[in-house]
N, C-alpha and C. Protein backbone atom coordinates (compact mmCIF):
# COMPACT_ATOMS: atom_id res chain seq x y z
N MET A 1 46.82 -34.71 -22.46
CA MET A 1 48.12 -34.46 -21.85
C MET A 1 48.60 -33.07 -22.27
N ALA A 2 48.98 -32.26 -21.29
CA ALA A 2 49.50 -30.93 -21.58
C ALA A 2 50.89 -31.06 -22.20
N VAL A 3 51.09 -30.37 -23.33
CA VAL A 3 52.38 -30.39 -24.01
C VAL A 3 52.94 -28.98 -23.99
N GLU A 4 54.19 -28.85 -23.57
CA GLU A 4 54.78 -27.53 -23.37
C GLU A 4 56.23 -27.54 -23.83
N ASN A 5 56.68 -26.42 -24.39
CA ASN A 5 58.08 -26.29 -24.80
C ASN A 5 58.37 -24.81 -25.02
N SER A 6 58.65 -24.10 -23.94
CA SER A 6 58.84 -22.66 -24.05
C SER A 6 60.30 -22.23 -23.99
N GLY A 7 61.18 -23.12 -23.52
CA GLY A 7 62.57 -22.73 -23.31
C GLY A 7 62.80 -22.07 -21.97
N GLY A 8 61.72 -21.78 -21.27
CA GLY A 8 61.84 -21.17 -19.95
C GLY A 8 61.31 -22.10 -18.88
N SER A 9 60.88 -21.53 -17.77
CA SER A 9 60.30 -22.33 -16.70
C SER A 9 58.99 -22.92 -17.20
N CYS A 10 58.85 -24.22 -17.10
CA CYS A 10 57.68 -24.91 -17.64
C CYS A 10 57.02 -25.75 -16.56
N SER A 11 55.73 -26.02 -16.74
CA SER A 11 54.98 -26.77 -15.73
C SER A 11 55.55 -28.17 -15.51
N TYR A 12 56.16 -28.76 -16.55
CA TYR A 12 56.70 -30.10 -16.36
C TYR A 12 57.96 -30.11 -15.50
N TYR A 13 58.50 -28.94 -15.17
CA TYR A 13 59.64 -28.86 -14.27
C TYR A 13 59.24 -28.42 -12.86
N ILE A 14 57.95 -28.47 -12.57
CA ILE A 14 57.44 -28.11 -11.24
C ILE A 14 56.63 -29.29 -10.72
N VAL A 15 56.85 -29.64 -9.45
CA VAL A 15 56.07 -30.71 -8.83
C VAL A 15 55.58 -30.22 -7.47
N HIS A 16 54.33 -30.52 -7.19
CA HIS A 16 53.75 -30.17 -5.89
C HIS A 16 54.08 -31.28 -4.89
N VAL A 17 54.58 -30.88 -3.73
CA VAL A 17 54.90 -31.82 -2.65
C VAL A 17 53.86 -31.58 -1.55
N PRO A 18 52.81 -32.41 -1.52
CA PRO A 18 51.71 -32.15 -0.58
C PRO A 18 52.01 -32.54 0.87
N ASP A 19 52.92 -33.49 1.06
CA ASP A 19 53.18 -34.00 2.40
C ASP A 19 54.69 -34.22 2.56
N PRO A 20 55.45 -33.14 2.80
CA PRO A 20 56.91 -33.27 2.90
C PRO A 20 57.34 -34.26 3.98
N ILE A 21 58.31 -35.08 3.65
CA ILE A 21 58.83 -36.08 4.59
C ILE A 21 59.35 -35.42 5.86
N SER A 22 60.00 -34.27 5.71
CA SER A 22 60.58 -33.59 6.88
C SER A 22 59.54 -32.77 7.64
N GLY A 23 58.29 -32.84 7.23
CA GLY A 23 57.24 -32.07 7.87
C GLY A 23 57.12 -30.70 7.23
N GLY A 24 56.37 -29.86 7.83
CA GLY A 24 56.21 -28.52 7.29
C GLY A 24 55.07 -28.45 6.30
N ASP A 25 54.97 -27.29 5.70
CA ASP A 25 53.87 -27.02 4.78
C ASP A 25 54.14 -27.61 3.40
N PRO A 26 53.06 -27.93 2.68
CA PRO A 26 53.22 -28.35 1.28
C PRO A 26 53.92 -27.24 0.50
N TYR A 27 54.60 -27.63 -0.57
CA TYR A 27 55.31 -26.65 -1.39
C TYR A 27 55.45 -27.16 -2.82
N ASN A 28 55.83 -26.27 -3.71
CA ASN A 28 56.15 -26.63 -5.08
C ASN A 28 57.66 -26.66 -5.23
N ALA A 29 58.17 -27.77 -5.73
CA ALA A 29 59.61 -27.90 -5.99
C ALA A 29 59.84 -27.68 -7.48
N GLU A 30 60.88 -26.94 -7.79
CA GLU A 30 61.24 -26.72 -9.19
C GLU A 30 62.56 -27.40 -9.48
N CYS A 31 62.61 -28.04 -10.63
CA CYS A 31 63.78 -28.81 -11.04
C CYS A 31 65.06 -27.96 -10.95
N LEU A 32 65.05 -26.77 -11.48
CA LEU A 32 66.24 -25.93 -11.50
C LEU A 32 66.69 -25.54 -10.09
N ASP A 33 65.73 -25.32 -9.17
CA ASP A 33 66.10 -25.02 -7.79
C ASP A 33 66.87 -26.17 -7.18
N VAL A 34 66.42 -27.40 -7.43
CA VAL A 34 67.10 -28.58 -6.90
C VAL A 34 68.51 -28.68 -7.50
N ILE A 35 68.60 -28.51 -8.81
CA ILE A 35 69.89 -28.59 -9.51
C ILE A 35 70.88 -27.57 -8.94
N GLU A 36 70.43 -26.32 -8.81
CA GLU A 36 71.33 -25.27 -8.32
C GLU A 36 71.73 -25.48 -6.87
N ASN A 37 70.78 -25.88 -6.03
CA ASN A 37 71.09 -26.02 -4.61
C ASN A 37 71.91 -27.26 -4.30
N LEU A 38 71.89 -28.27 -5.17
CA LEU A 38 72.77 -29.41 -5.01
C LEU A 38 74.09 -29.22 -5.75
N GLU A 39 74.22 -28.08 -6.44
CA GLU A 39 75.43 -27.74 -7.21
C GLU A 39 75.81 -28.87 -8.16
N MET A 40 74.81 -29.34 -8.92
CA MET A 40 75.05 -30.42 -9.88
C MET A 40 75.95 -29.95 -11.01
N THR A 41 76.74 -30.88 -11.53
CA THR A 41 77.54 -30.60 -12.72
C THR A 41 76.58 -30.54 -13.93
N PRO A 42 77.05 -30.01 -15.06
CA PRO A 42 76.19 -30.02 -16.25
C PRO A 42 75.73 -31.43 -16.64
N HIS A 43 76.62 -32.42 -16.56
CA HIS A 43 76.21 -33.79 -16.89
C HIS A 43 75.16 -34.29 -15.91
N GLU A 44 75.38 -34.07 -14.63
CA GLU A 44 74.41 -34.52 -13.63
C GLU A 44 73.06 -33.84 -13.83
N SER A 45 73.09 -32.55 -14.12
CA SER A 45 71.82 -31.84 -14.30
C SER A 45 71.07 -32.31 -15.54
N ASN A 46 71.78 -32.68 -16.59
CA ASN A 46 71.10 -33.19 -17.78
C ASN A 46 70.43 -34.54 -17.52
N VAL A 47 71.09 -35.41 -16.77
CA VAL A 47 70.49 -36.69 -16.40
C VAL A 47 69.28 -36.45 -15.50
N PHE A 48 69.44 -35.58 -14.52
CA PHE A 48 68.36 -35.28 -13.58
C PHE A 48 67.14 -34.72 -14.31
N LYS A 49 67.36 -33.78 -15.22
CA LYS A 49 66.24 -33.21 -15.97
C LYS A 49 65.53 -34.25 -16.83
N ALA A 50 66.30 -35.14 -17.44
CA ALA A 50 65.69 -36.19 -18.26
C ALA A 50 64.85 -37.13 -17.39
N LEU A 51 65.35 -37.50 -16.22
CA LEU A 51 64.57 -38.33 -15.30
C LEU A 51 63.31 -37.60 -14.85
N TRP A 52 63.45 -36.33 -14.55
CA TRP A 52 62.32 -35.51 -14.11
C TRP A 52 61.26 -35.47 -15.21
N ARG A 53 61.68 -35.23 -16.46
CA ARG A 53 60.71 -35.17 -17.57
C ARG A 53 60.00 -36.50 -17.76
N LYS A 54 60.74 -37.63 -17.65
CA LYS A 54 60.11 -38.95 -17.78
C LYS A 54 59.01 -39.12 -16.73
N ALA A 55 59.29 -38.77 -15.50
CA ALA A 55 58.31 -38.89 -14.43
C ALA A 55 57.14 -37.92 -14.64
N ALA A 56 57.45 -36.69 -15.02
CA ALA A 56 56.40 -35.70 -15.24
C ALA A 56 55.45 -36.12 -16.36
N GLU A 57 55.99 -36.78 -17.39
CA GLU A 57 55.14 -37.24 -18.49
C GLU A 57 54.10 -38.24 -17.99
N ARG A 58 54.48 -39.08 -17.03
CA ARG A 58 53.53 -40.04 -16.46
C ARG A 58 52.42 -39.34 -15.70
N GLN A 59 52.66 -38.09 -15.29
CA GLN A 59 51.65 -37.30 -14.58
C GLN A 59 50.90 -36.37 -15.52
N GLY A 60 51.11 -36.53 -16.82
CA GLY A 60 50.38 -35.74 -17.80
C GLY A 60 51.05 -34.44 -18.21
N LYS A 61 52.31 -34.22 -17.83
CA LYS A 61 53.04 -33.00 -18.20
C LYS A 61 54.14 -33.42 -19.17
N LYS A 62 54.05 -32.95 -20.40
CA LYS A 62 54.97 -33.42 -21.43
C LYS A 62 55.65 -32.26 -22.14
N LYS A 63 56.93 -32.45 -22.44
CA LYS A 63 57.68 -31.47 -23.22
C LYS A 63 57.41 -31.75 -24.69
N LYS A 64 57.00 -30.72 -25.40
CA LYS A 64 56.70 -30.86 -26.82
C LYS A 64 57.93 -31.35 -27.58
N GLY A 65 57.74 -32.35 -28.44
CA GLY A 65 58.82 -32.88 -29.25
C GLY A 65 59.71 -33.87 -28.53
N ASN A 66 59.36 -34.19 -27.30
CA ASN A 66 60.19 -35.11 -26.51
C ASN A 66 59.45 -36.42 -26.31
N SER A 67 60.20 -37.46 -25.98
CA SER A 67 59.58 -38.75 -25.68
C SER A 67 60.34 -39.42 -24.55
N ALA A 68 59.69 -40.37 -23.91
CA ALA A 68 60.33 -41.14 -22.85
C ALA A 68 61.54 -41.89 -23.41
N LEU A 69 61.43 -42.37 -24.65
CA LEU A 69 62.55 -43.07 -25.27
C LEU A 69 63.75 -42.14 -25.43
N ARG A 70 63.52 -40.93 -25.92
CA ARG A 70 64.61 -39.97 -26.11
C ARG A 70 65.27 -39.65 -24.78
N ASP A 71 64.45 -39.43 -23.74
CA ASP A 71 65.04 -39.15 -22.43
C ASP A 71 65.83 -40.34 -21.92
N SER A 72 65.34 -41.56 -22.15
CA SER A 72 66.07 -42.76 -21.71
C SER A 72 67.41 -42.87 -22.43
N GLN A 73 67.41 -42.57 -23.73
CA GLN A 73 68.66 -42.60 -24.50
C GLN A 73 69.62 -41.54 -23.97
N LYS A 74 69.10 -40.36 -23.67
CA LYS A 74 69.94 -39.28 -23.15
C LYS A 74 70.53 -39.67 -21.80
N ILE A 75 69.72 -40.27 -20.93
CA ILE A 75 70.19 -40.71 -19.61
C ILE A 75 71.31 -41.72 -19.77
N ALA A 76 71.12 -42.69 -20.65
CA ALA A 76 72.14 -43.73 -20.85
C ALA A 76 73.43 -43.12 -21.40
N PHE A 77 73.33 -42.24 -22.39
CA PHE A 77 74.51 -41.63 -23.00
C PHE A 77 75.29 -40.80 -22.00
N ILE A 78 74.60 -39.91 -21.29
CA ILE A 78 75.28 -39.01 -20.37
C ILE A 78 75.80 -39.78 -19.15
N SER A 79 75.05 -40.77 -18.69
CA SER A 79 75.51 -41.57 -17.56
C SER A 79 76.79 -42.32 -17.90
N ALA A 80 76.87 -42.82 -19.13
CA ALA A 80 78.10 -43.50 -19.56
C ALA A 80 79.28 -42.53 -19.53
N ARG A 81 79.03 -41.29 -19.89
CA ARG A 81 80.10 -40.29 -19.87
C ARG A 81 80.51 -39.96 -18.44
N ILE A 82 79.53 -39.84 -17.55
CA ILE A 82 79.84 -39.61 -16.14
C ILE A 82 80.70 -40.75 -15.60
N LEU A 83 80.32 -41.98 -15.89
CA LEU A 83 81.07 -43.15 -15.45
C LEU A 83 82.49 -43.12 -16.01
N HIS A 84 82.62 -42.82 -17.29
CA HIS A 84 83.94 -42.74 -17.93
C HIS A 84 84.82 -41.72 -17.21
N ASN A 85 84.28 -40.56 -16.94
CA ASN A 85 85.05 -39.51 -16.28
C ASN A 85 85.44 -39.91 -14.86
N GLU A 86 84.55 -40.58 -14.13
CA GLU A 86 84.88 -41.04 -12.78
C GLU A 86 85.95 -42.13 -12.81
N GLU A 87 85.85 -43.05 -13.76
CA GLU A 87 86.85 -44.11 -13.87
C GLU A 87 88.23 -43.55 -14.18
N ARG A 88 88.30 -42.51 -14.99
CA ARG A 88 89.59 -41.87 -15.29
C ARG A 88 90.24 -41.32 -14.03
N LYS A 89 89.45 -40.85 -13.09
CA LYS A 89 89.98 -40.29 -11.83
C LYS A 89 90.67 -41.36 -11.00
N TRP A 90 90.27 -42.62 -11.15
CA TRP A 90 90.77 -43.71 -10.33
C TRP A 90 91.96 -44.43 -10.94
N LYS A 91 92.36 -44.02 -12.12
CA LYS A 91 93.49 -44.67 -12.78
C LYS A 91 94.80 -44.06 -12.34
């Protein structure tokens, strides 16, 4: 399993899309491009990146010093904060 941790653009944040649902040519999607183009909040982007890393690890791309458990804990913690903030808006 390839292990990477450069602080910059890393292979575990890139996925090849061989057969796009909308048609067209195959392409490489980068996590940060998706985050920026969807204008995610910092909390949303942290959850998204953790989910992305968990999936990438199953494909043999791993962030050095990271684990699926750590990403799961991060997802749960940040998601709880997102929920808390949304609930405050409805009070």
